Amino acid sequence: MPRHLGYQRRDAAKLEARRIAAVARLRRGESTSAIARSLGVCIQSVQRWDRCYRLHGAEGLRRLPKCGSRPKLVREKLIRLPGLLAQGPLAFGFDTPVWTSERIAGVIWSRFRVRYSCDHVKRLLPSLGWRWHEHTWLPSRQKNFR
């Protein structure tokens, strides 16, 4: 079983350095199983890195740019959103104390000038720690350990 080596998820620079180091060790004559065991990866990964190195050279081990489009709302502004929503809908002029996806999309537009659909708000809020409960969005419940 591979062991966790403290890499953050998608830490591209460290993962690239790990691939380069593994291929350098292969070139010095170490076995793929010893390298895989010490790095906490499977043997097939070390073999795949070696094959990429043989086919494309050092460029084959480089990290690839992230695919997909850039997010509309930058991370700094996205982090501010739960704090705004914690003020409650009444603070934004709504009649009832219920957060709906439509209302949240409106708040995002009025504060950040970024237009999101209600469906995208439904995908966005769980990643910010909010949960859906009976037709309204609520902040995630704190665990009550006794």
N, C-alpha and C. Protein backbone atom coordinates (compact mmCIF):
# COMPACT_ATOMS: atom_id res chain seq x y z
N MET A 1 0.84 -1.18 0.00
CA MET A 1 0.00 0.00 0.00
C MET A 1 0.89 1.24 0.00
N PRO A 2 0.66 2.18 -0.94
CA PRO A 2 1.48 3.38 -0.98
C PRO A 2 1.25 4.23 0.27
N ARG A 3 2.32 4.83 0.76
CA ARG A 3 2.20 5.68 1.94
C ARG A 3 2.09 7.13 1.52
N HIS A 4 1.45 7.89 2.36
CA HIS A 4 1.25 9.31 2.08
C HIS A 4 2.54 10.06 2.41
N LEU A 5 3.02 10.86 1.47
CA LEU A 5 4.29 11.55 1.66
C LEU A 5 4.14 13.05 1.89
N GLY A 6 2.94 13.50 2.22
CA GLY A 6 2.74 14.90 2.55
C GLY A 6 2.55 15.81 1.36
N TYR A 7 2.30 15.27 0.18
CA TYR A 7 2.04 16.11 -0.98
C TYR A 7 0.62 16.63 -0.90
N GLN A 8 0.46 17.91 -1.14
CA GLN A 8 -0.87 18.45 -1.24
C GLN A 8 -1.49 17.96 -2.55
N ARG A 9 -2.78 17.92 -2.58
CA ARG A 9 -3.45 17.48 -3.79
C ARG A 9 -3.10 18.44 -4.93
N ARG A 10 -2.68 17.89 -6.03
CA ARG A 10 -2.35 18.66 -7.24
C ARG A 10 -1.23 19.67 -7.02
N ASP A 11 -0.25 19.35 -6.21
CA ASP A 11 0.91 20.21 -6.05
C ASP A 11 1.85 19.89 -7.20
N ALA A 12 1.64 20.53 -8.32
CA ALA A 12 2.29 20.16 -9.58
C ALA A 12 3.81 20.25 -9.52
N ALA A 13 4.34 21.25 -8.85
CA ALA A 13 5.79 21.43 -8.81
C ALA A 13 6.47 20.27 -8.06
N LYS A 14 5.89 19.86 -6.94
CA LYS A 14 6.48 18.76 -6.18
C LYS A 14 6.33 17.44 -6.93
N LEU A 15 5.20 17.25 -7.59
CA LEU A 15 4.99 16.01 -8.33
C LEU A 15 5.95 15.93 -9.52
N GLU A 16 6.20 17.06 -10.16
CA GLU A 16 7.16 17.09 -11.26
C GLU A 16 8.56 16.76 -10.75
N ALA A 17 8.94 17.34 -9.62
CA ALA A 17 10.26 17.05 -9.04
C ALA A 17 10.38 15.58 -8.67
N ARG A 18 9.28 14.99 -8.21
CA ARG A 18 9.29 13.56 -7.88
C ARG A 18 9.51 12.71 -9.12
N ARG A 19 8.87 13.07 -10.23
CA ARG A 19 9.06 12.31 -11.48
C ARG A 19 10.50 12.42 -11.98
N ILE A 20 11.05 13.62 -11.92
CA ILE A 20 12.43 13.83 -12.39
C ILE A 20 13.41 13.05 -11.52
N ALA A 21 13.20 13.07 -10.20
CA ALA A 21 14.08 12.34 -9.29
C ALA A 21 13.98 10.84 -9.52
N ALA A 22 12.78 10.36 -9.79
CA ALA A 22 12.60 8.92 -10.02
C ALA A 22 13.34 8.47 -11.28
N VAL A 23 13.25 9.25 -12.34
CA VAL A 23 13.94 8.88 -13.58
C VAL A 23 15.45 8.97 -13.39
N ALA A 24 15.92 9.95 -12.64
CA ALA A 24 17.36 10.05 -12.37
C ALA A 24 17.84 8.82 -11.61
N ARG A 25 17.06 8.35 -10.67
CA ARG A 25 17.43 7.14 -9.93
C ARG A 25 17.41 5.92 -10.84
N LEU A 26 16.46 5.86 -11.78
CA LEU A 26 16.42 4.75 -12.75
C LEU A 26 17.68 4.76 -13.60
N ARG A 27 18.11 5.93 -14.02
CA ARG A 27 19.30 6.05 -14.86
C ARG A 27 20.57 5.64 -14.10
N ARG A 28 20.55 5.76 -12.76
CA ARG A 28 21.68 5.32 -11.96
C ARG A 28 21.66 3.82 -11.70
N GLY A 29 20.58 3.15 -12.11
CA GLY A 29 20.53 1.71 -12.01
C GLY A 29 19.67 1.14 -10.90
N GLU A 30 18.94 1.97 -10.18
CA GLU A 30 18.06 1.43 -9.14
C GLU A 30 16.88 0.71 -9.79
N SER A 31 16.30 -0.21 -9.07
CA SER A 31 15.17 -0.97 -9.61
C SER A 31 13.88 -0.15 -9.49
N THR A 32 12.95 -0.44 -10.38
CA THR A 32 11.68 0.28 -10.35
C THR A 32 10.91 0.00 -9.06
N SER A 33 11.01 -1.22 -8.57
CA SER A 33 10.27 -1.55 -7.34
C SER A 33 10.84 -0.79 -6.13
N ALA A 34 12.15 -0.63 -6.06
CA ALA A 34 12.75 0.11 -4.95
C ALA A 34 12.36 1.58 -5.01
N ILE A 35 12.36 2.14 -6.20
CA ILE A 35 11.99 3.55 -6.36
C ILE A 35 10.52 3.74 -6.01
N ALA A 36 9.68 2.85 -6.53
CA ALA A 36 8.24 2.96 -6.27
C ALA A 36 7.95 2.85 -4.78
N ARG A 37 8.61 1.92 -4.11
CA ARG A 37 8.39 1.72 -2.68
C ARG A 37 8.82 2.96 -1.90
N SER A 38 9.96 3.54 -2.24
CA SER A 38 10.46 4.70 -1.49
C SER A 38 9.62 5.96 -1.75
N LEU A 39 9.03 6.07 -2.95
CA LEU A 39 8.22 7.25 -3.27
C LEU A 39 6.75 7.07 -2.90
N GLY A 40 6.36 5.84 -2.58
CA GLY A 40 4.97 5.60 -2.22
C GLY A 40 4.03 5.58 -3.41
N VAL A 41 4.53 5.13 -4.57
CA VAL A 41 3.71 5.02 -5.78
C VAL A 41 3.75 3.58 -6.27
N CYS A 42 2.94 3.28 -7.27
CA CYS A 42 2.97 1.94 -7.82
C CYS A 42 4.10 1.82 -8.87
N ILE A 43 4.51 0.60 -9.13
CA ILE A 43 5.60 0.34 -10.07
C ILE A 43 5.26 0.85 -11.46
N GLN A 44 3.98 0.71 -11.82
CA GLN A 44 3.56 1.15 -13.15
C GLN A 44 3.76 2.66 -13.35
N SER A 45 3.63 3.43 -12.29
CA SER A 45 3.86 4.87 -12.41
C SER A 45 5.32 5.16 -12.75
N VAL A 46 6.23 4.48 -12.06
CA VAL A 46 7.65 4.67 -12.34
C VAL A 46 7.96 4.24 -13.77
N GLN A 47 7.37 3.13 -14.21
CA GLN A 47 7.59 2.67 -15.58
C GLN A 47 7.02 3.66 -16.59
N ARG A 48 5.85 4.26 -16.29
CA ARG A 48 5.25 5.25 -17.18
C ARG A 48 6.12 6.50 -17.28
N TRP A 49 6.69 6.93 -16.14
CA TRP A 49 7.57 8.10 -16.17
C TRP A 49 8.82 7.81 -16.99
N ASP A 50 9.35 6.60 -16.87
CA ASP A 50 10.53 6.22 -17.65
C ASP A 50 10.21 6.21 -19.14
N ARG A 51 9.05 5.66 -19.49
CA ARG A 51 8.65 5.62 -20.90
C ARG A 51 8.49 7.04 -21.46
N CYS A 52 7.87 7.94 -20.69
CA CYS A 52 7.73 9.33 -21.13
C CYS A 52 9.09 9.98 -21.32
N TYR A 53 10.03 9.67 -20.42
CA TYR A 53 11.37 10.23 -20.54
C TYR A 53 12.06 9.72 -21.80
N ARG A 54 11.92 8.41 -22.07
CA ARG A 54 12.57 7.85 -23.26
C ARG A 54 11.96 8.40 -24.55
N LEU A 55 10.65 8.64 -24.57
CA LEU A 55 9.99 9.12 -25.78
C LEU A 55 10.14 10.62 -26.00
N HIS A 56 10.09 11.40 -24.91
CA HIS A 56 10.04 12.85 -25.05
C HIS A 56 11.16 13.59 -24.33
N GLY A 57 12.04 12.87 -23.66
CA GLY A 57 13.12 13.52 -22.93
C GLY A 57 12.60 14.16 -21.66
N ALA A 58 13.32 15.16 -21.17
CA ALA A 58 12.95 15.82 -19.92
C ALA A 58 11.60 16.54 -20.04
N GLU A 59 11.25 16.97 -21.24
CA GLU A 59 9.96 17.64 -21.44
C GLU A 59 8.79 16.71 -21.16
N GLY A 60 8.99 15.40 -21.33
CA GLY A 60 7.93 14.45 -21.05
C GLY A 60 7.58 14.34 -19.58
N LEU A 61 8.47 14.82 -18.71
CA LEU A 61 8.23 14.76 -17.26
C LEU A 61 7.69 16.07 -16.70
N ARG A 62 7.68 17.11 -17.52
CA ARG A 62 7.24 18.42 -17.05
C ARG A 62 5.74 18.41 -16.78
N ARG A 63 5.35 19.32 -15.90
CA ARG A 63 3.92 19.42 -15.59
C ARG A 63 3.19 20.09 -16.75
N LEU A 64 1.97 19.68 -16.93
CA LEU A 64 1.14 20.25 -17.98
C LEU A 64 0.34 21.41 -17.41
N PRO A 65 0.04 22.39 -18.24
CA PRO A 65 -0.80 23.47 -17.73
C PRO A 65 -2.19 22.94 -17.40
N LYS A 66 -2.84 23.57 -16.43
CA LYS A 66 -4.17 23.14 -16.04
C LYS A 66 -5.14 23.34 -17.20
N CYS A 67 -5.99 22.36 -17.37
CA CYS A 67 -6.97 22.46 -18.45
C CYS A 67 -8.25 23.06 -17.91
N GLY A 68 -9.11 23.44 -18.79
CA GLY A 68 -10.38 24.02 -18.40
C GLY A 68 -10.29 25.54 -18.35
N SER A 69 -11.43 26.15 -18.30
CA SER A 69 -11.47 27.61 -18.28
C SER A 69 -11.20 28.12 -16.86
N ARG A 70 -10.81 29.36 -16.79
CA ARG A 70 -10.58 29.99 -15.49
C ARG A 70 -11.93 30.22 -14.82
N PRO A 71 -11.96 30.15 -13.49
CA PRO A 71 -13.23 30.42 -12.81
C PRO A 71 -13.62 31.89 -12.96
N LYS A 72 -14.91 32.15 -13.02
CA LYS A 72 -15.38 33.53 -13.15
C LYS A 72 -15.08 34.33 -11.89
N LEU A 73 -15.29 33.70 -10.75
CA LEU A 73 -15.10 34.36 -9.46
C LEU A 73 -13.76 33.92 -8.88
N VAL A 74 -12.83 34.86 -8.74
CA VAL A 74 -11.49 34.51 -8.26
C VAL A 74 -11.57 34.03 -6.81
N ARG A 75 -10.58 33.24 -6.41
CA ARG A 75 -10.60 32.59 -5.09
C ARG A 75 -10.72 33.59 -3.95
N GLU A 76 -10.07 34.74 -4.04
CA GLU A 76 -10.11 35.72 -2.96
C GLU A 76 -11.55 36.21 -2.72
N LYS A 77 -12.28 36.41 -3.81
CA LYS A 77 -13.67 36.85 -3.66
C LYS A 77 -14.57 35.69 -3.25
N LEU A 78 -14.27 34.51 -3.73
CA LEU A 78 -15.08 33.33 -3.38
C LEU A 78 -14.99 33.04 -1.89
N ILE A 79 -13.84 33.30 -1.29
CA ILE A 79 -13.65 33.07 0.13
C ILE A 79 -14.52 34.04 0.95
N ARG A 80 -14.81 35.21 0.41
CA ARG A 80 -15.63 36.19 1.11
C ARG A 80 -17.12 35.85 1.09
N LEU A 81 -17.54 34.99 0.16
CA LEU A 81 -18.95 34.69 -0.01
C LEU A 81 -19.61 34.08 1.23
N PRO A 82 -19.02 33.07 1.90
CA PRO A 82 -19.70 32.53 3.10
C PRO A 82 -19.92 33.58 4.19
N GLY A 83 -19.00 34.52 4.32
CA GLY A 83 -19.18 35.59 5.30
C GLY A 83 -20.35 36.48 4.95
N LEU A 84 -20.52 36.76 3.66
CA LEU A 84 -21.67 37.56 3.23
C LEU A 84 -22.97 36.81 3.47
N LEU A 85 -22.98 35.53 3.15
CA LEU A 85 -24.20 34.74 3.32
C LEU A 85 -24.54 34.54 4.79
N ALA A 86 -23.54 34.57 5.66
CA ALA A 86 -23.79 34.40 7.09
C ALA A 86 -24.56 35.60 7.67
N GLN A 87 -24.54 36.73 6.99
CA GLN A 87 -25.31 37.90 7.44
C GLN A 87 -26.80 37.65 7.32
N GLY A 88 -27.17 36.73 6.45
CA GLY A 88 -28.58 36.39 6.28
C GLY A 88 -29.23 37.15 5.15
N PRO A 89 -30.30 36.60 4.62
CA PRO A 89 -31.00 37.24 3.49
C PRO A 89 -31.64 38.58 3.86
N LEU A 90 -32.03 38.75 5.12
CA LEU A 90 -32.67 40.00 5.52
C LEU A 90 -31.71 41.18 5.38
N ALA A 91 -30.41 40.94 5.56
CA ALA A 91 -29.41 42.01 5.43
C ALA A 91 -29.29 42.48 3.99
N PHE A 92 -29.74 41.67 3.04
CA PHE A 92 -29.66 42.04 1.64
C PHE A 92 -31.00 42.48 1.08
N GLY A 93 -31.97 42.72 1.97
CA GLY A 93 -33.25 43.27 1.55
C GLY A 93 -34.31 42.26 1.15
N PHE A 94 -34.09 40.99 1.45
CA PHE A 94 -35.11 40.00 1.13
C PHE A 94 -36.14 39.95 2.25
N ASP A 95 -37.37 39.55 1.91
CA ASP A 95 -38.47 39.57 2.88
C ASP A 95 -38.41 38.43 3.89
N THR A 96 -37.91 37.28 3.47
CA THR A 96 -37.91 36.11 4.35
C THR A 96 -36.48 35.67 4.63
N PRO A 97 -36.25 35.00 5.76
CA PRO A 97 -34.89 34.58 6.13
C PRO A 97 -34.50 33.24 5.50
N VAL A 98 -34.69 33.13 4.20
CA VAL A 98 -34.44 31.87 3.50
C VAL A 98 -33.47 32.15 2.35
N TRP A 99 -32.35 31.41 2.32
CA TRP A 99 -31.42 31.52 1.20
C TRP A 99 -31.83 30.52 0.13
N THR A 100 -32.13 31.00 -1.05
CA THR A 100 -32.37 30.11 -2.19
C THR A 100 -31.23 30.31 -3.18
N SER A 101 -31.12 29.40 -4.11
CA SER A 101 -30.05 29.51 -5.11
C SER A 101 -30.21 30.77 -5.94
N GLU A 102 -31.44 31.14 -6.24
CA GLU A 102 -31.68 32.36 -7.02
C GLU A 102 -31.21 33.60 -6.26
N ARG A 103 -31.50 33.64 -4.97
CA ARG A 103 -31.09 34.79 -4.17
C ARG A 103 -29.57 34.86 -4.05
N ILE A 104 -28.94 33.72 -3.86
CA ILE A 104 -27.48 33.71 -3.74
C ILE A 104 -26.84 34.15 -5.05
N ALA A 105 -27.40 33.69 -6.18
CA ALA A 105 -26.89 34.12 -7.48
C ALA A 105 -27.03 35.64 -7.62
N GLY A 106 -28.13 36.19 -7.11
CA GLY A 106 -28.32 37.64 -7.14
C GLY A 106 -27.31 38.38 -6.29
N VAL A 107 -27.01 37.84 -5.12
CA VAL A 107 -26.01 38.47 -4.23
C VAL A 107 -24.63 38.42 -4.88
N ILE A 108 -24.30 37.30 -5.51
CA ILE A 108 -23.00 37.20 -6.20
C ILE A 108 -22.92 38.24 -7.31
N TRP A 109 -24.01 38.44 -8.03
CA TRP A 109 -24.01 39.44 -9.10
C TRP A 109 -23.89 40.85 -8.52
N SER A 110 -24.65 41.15 -7.46
CA SER A 110 -24.64 42.51 -6.93
C SER A 110 -23.32 42.86 -6.26
N ARG A 111 -22.67 41.91 -5.60
CA ARG A 111 -21.43 42.19 -4.89
C ARG A 111 -20.19 42.06 -5.76
N PHE A 112 -20.16 41.04 -6.63
CA PHE A 112 -18.93 40.74 -7.36
C PHE A 112 -19.05 40.96 -8.87
N ARG A 113 -20.25 41.28 -9.35
CA ARG A 113 -20.51 41.47 -10.78
C ARG A 113 -20.10 40.24 -11.60
N VAL A 114 -20.44 39.08 -11.06
CA VAL A 114 -20.22 37.80 -11.73
C VAL A 114 -21.56 37.10 -11.78
N ARG A 115 -21.96 36.70 -12.98
CA ARG A 115 -23.27 36.08 -13.14
C ARG A 115 -23.13 34.56 -13.16
N TYR A 116 -23.77 33.91 -12.18
CA TYR A 116 -23.82 32.46 -12.11
C TYR A 116 -25.27 32.02 -12.24
N SER A 117 -25.45 30.87 -12.87
CA SER A 117 -26.79 30.30 -12.93
C SER A 117 -27.12 29.67 -11.58
N CYS A 118 -28.41 29.42 -11.36
CA CYS A 118 -28.82 28.79 -10.11
C CYS A 118 -28.25 27.39 -9.99
N ASP A 119 -28.13 26.69 -11.11
CA ASP A 119 -27.55 25.35 -11.09
C ASP A 119 -26.09 25.38 -10.68
N HIS A 120 -25.36 26.40 -11.13
CA HIS A 120 -23.96 26.47 -10.75
C HIS A 120 -23.82 26.82 -9.26
N VAL A 121 -24.72 27.64 -8.74
CA VAL A 121 -24.71 27.96 -7.32
C VAL A 121 -24.90 26.69 -6.51
N LYS A 122 -25.75 25.78 -7.00
CA LYS A 122 -25.98 24.51 -6.31
C LYS A 122 -24.73 23.65 -6.27
N ARG A 123 -23.87 23.78 -7.28
CA ARG A 123 -22.61 23.04 -7.27
C ARG A 123 -21.53 23.76 -6.48
N LEU A 124 -21.62 25.06 -6.40
CA LEU A 124 -20.59 25.88 -5.76
C LEU A 124 -20.68 25.86 -4.23
N LEU A 125 -21.88 25.97 -3.69
CA LEU A 125 -22.04 26.14 -2.25
C LEU A 125 -21.58 24.95 -1.41
N PRO A 126 -21.79 23.70 -1.81
CA PRO A 126 -21.26 22.61 -0.97
C PRO A 126 -19.75 22.66 -0.82
N SER A 127 -19.03 23.16 -1.82
CA SER A 127 -17.58 23.27 -1.69
C SER A 127 -17.18 24.37 -0.71
N LEU A 128 -18.12 25.26 -0.39
CA LEU A 128 -17.86 26.33 0.58
C LEU A 128 -18.36 25.97 1.97
N GLY A 129 -18.88 24.74 2.13
CA GLY A 129 -19.33 24.30 3.44
C GLY A 129 -20.80 24.54 3.71
N TRP A 130 -21.58 24.88 2.71
CA TRP A 130 -23.00 25.08 2.89
C TRP A 130 -23.74 23.83 2.43
N ARG A 131 -24.91 23.58 3.05
CA ARG A 131 -25.67 22.40 2.72
C ARG A 131 -27.11 22.78 2.40
N TRP A 132 -27.77 21.97 1.60
CA TRP A 132 -29.15 22.19 1.19
C TRP A 132 -30.06 21.49 2.19
N HIS A 133 -31.07 22.22 2.70
CA HIS A 133 -32.00 21.61 3.64
C HIS A 133 -33.38 22.22 3.45
N GLU A 134 -34.32 21.43 3.00
CA GLU A 134 -35.72 21.83 2.84
C GLU A 134 -35.88 23.18 2.17
N HIS A 135 -35.46 23.27 0.94
CA HIS A 135 -35.64 24.44 0.08
C HIS A 135 -34.83 25.66 0.50
N THR A 136 -33.80 25.46 1.28
CA THR A 136 -32.96 26.60 1.66
C THR A 136 -31.52 26.14 1.87
N TRP A 137 -30.59 27.06 1.76
CA TRP A 137 -29.18 26.78 2.00
C TRP A 137 -28.85 27.16 3.43
N LEU A 138 -28.11 26.30 4.11
CA LEU A 138 -27.69 26.54 5.49
C LEU A 138 -26.19 26.34 5.60
N PRO A 139 -25.54 27.08 6.51
CA PRO A 139 -24.11 26.78 6.75
C PRO A 139 -23.98 25.39 7.33
N SER A 140 -22.85 24.76 7.11
CA SER A 140 -22.68 23.40 7.60
C SER A 140 -22.77 23.37 9.11
N ARG A 141 -23.35 22.32 9.61
CA ARG A 141 -23.56 22.16 11.04
C ARG A 141 -22.24 21.87 11.73
N GLN A 142 -22.02 22.50 12.88
CA GLN A 142 -20.82 22.20 13.66
C GLN A 142 -21.03 20.86 14.34
N LYS A 143 -20.01 20.05 14.39
CA LYS A 143 -20.09 18.75 15.05
C LYS A 143 -20.18 18.98 16.56
N ASN A 144 -21.13 18.34 17.20
CA ASN A 144 -21.31 18.49 18.64
C ASN A 144 -20.83 17.21 19.32
N PHE A 145 -19.58 17.23 19.76
CA PHE A 145 -19.00 16.07 20.43
C PHE A 145 -19.16 16.24 21.93
N ARG A 146 -19.67 15.20 22.55
CA ARG A 146 -19.83 15.26 24.00
C ARG A 146 -18.92 14.27 24.65
